[in-house]
Amino acid sequence: MGATTKGSLTLLLQTVGGCAHFRQVSLQTLDVIIGKCARVACVVPSAKPFVAGLWGGLAAVNRLNHLGQREASPGHAATRRFCYSAAWIRALLSEDESCPLDLERLVFPKPPPRASVSGWRVEYDASIYGGGAVLRRPDGVVDQHFFVLWDGTEAEHLGVWIGDSKFQTFWEYAVFLLVLVQWADMFHPFAMPILGDNTGALQAGLELKGRGVLLAIAREISWRKARRRWTFQVGHLPSEHNTVSDALSRVADPSSPPWPASCLASSTWVTPARLRDLWRALPS
């Protein structure tokens, strides 16, 4: 993308993302922004989760307009629907360390990632109370493990609350992110095998997509995957074989299973990142 186009797109995104200064934006401006951002995503596939947020906001505006439930004056849309996505795209176009994707490197073709032949693997699970994961050696012995307890501050900006089963897949996808942050670097340049029992979260991790709040995690994974050169493979692990991670994820569950002491006897506890500290791009 040329410097002139890049500069104009950045200016447009500042208008959309400046929720504190602009309450609405013209649909004509939105057409220009989303059209140019879509071209960026064609060249840099890892940018797709960011652009998808703009498409989702526009679809919501069109749906409300069709129902006669306008949020802005005729021919305009409320900027609040585009703040998060605009913040991400602005970061993408920046020239400093905040840039989530290395554009110059990504546009060159590269061979597919080599699968890990070491036999090491990660298993994870989540509940509405917390999450847990284990790093297993080739012989199946757990080498490292962690668990986290949700306290309600992890995703307040997304309207996600603990104790609500409708956010189960979100928490599964969140632990998927924590697993990558914790162990993905040690597998480079090989692909890290990640096993879980929630097919929705696994599919989202494989495609780096998701609807609603899942899209927020897809963005976090996408830019780190590109920036840190992570490669990973996902696999389904039936619930009946994911008992250790399940127990770790439900430490605070009133009906939690017994602590897997024997399985963790040789394991080292590691402290995972806090989910609330991993959100990179927020509205200005």
Foldseek 3Di string as FASTA:
>chain_A
DDPVLLVVLLVLLCQLLQLVPHFKDFVVSLVSNLVVQVVVCVQFVLCVLLSVLSVVLVVVQVVCVVVVNHPDPPRMHTSVSNNQSSLLVSLCSDDDPSNLADNVVRNDDDDDAAADPQQWAKEWAADLFWIKMFIAGNVGATAAMEIDGDDQLLPVVLVDGGPDRVCRLVRRLLVVLLVCVVPQLVQPPHAHEYEYADVVSLVCVVSLYDPRPSSQSSSLCSSCCRVSVGHYDYDYDHPVRRLQRQLRNCVVPPPGDDHPCVSCVNYHYDDTDRSNVSRSGGRD
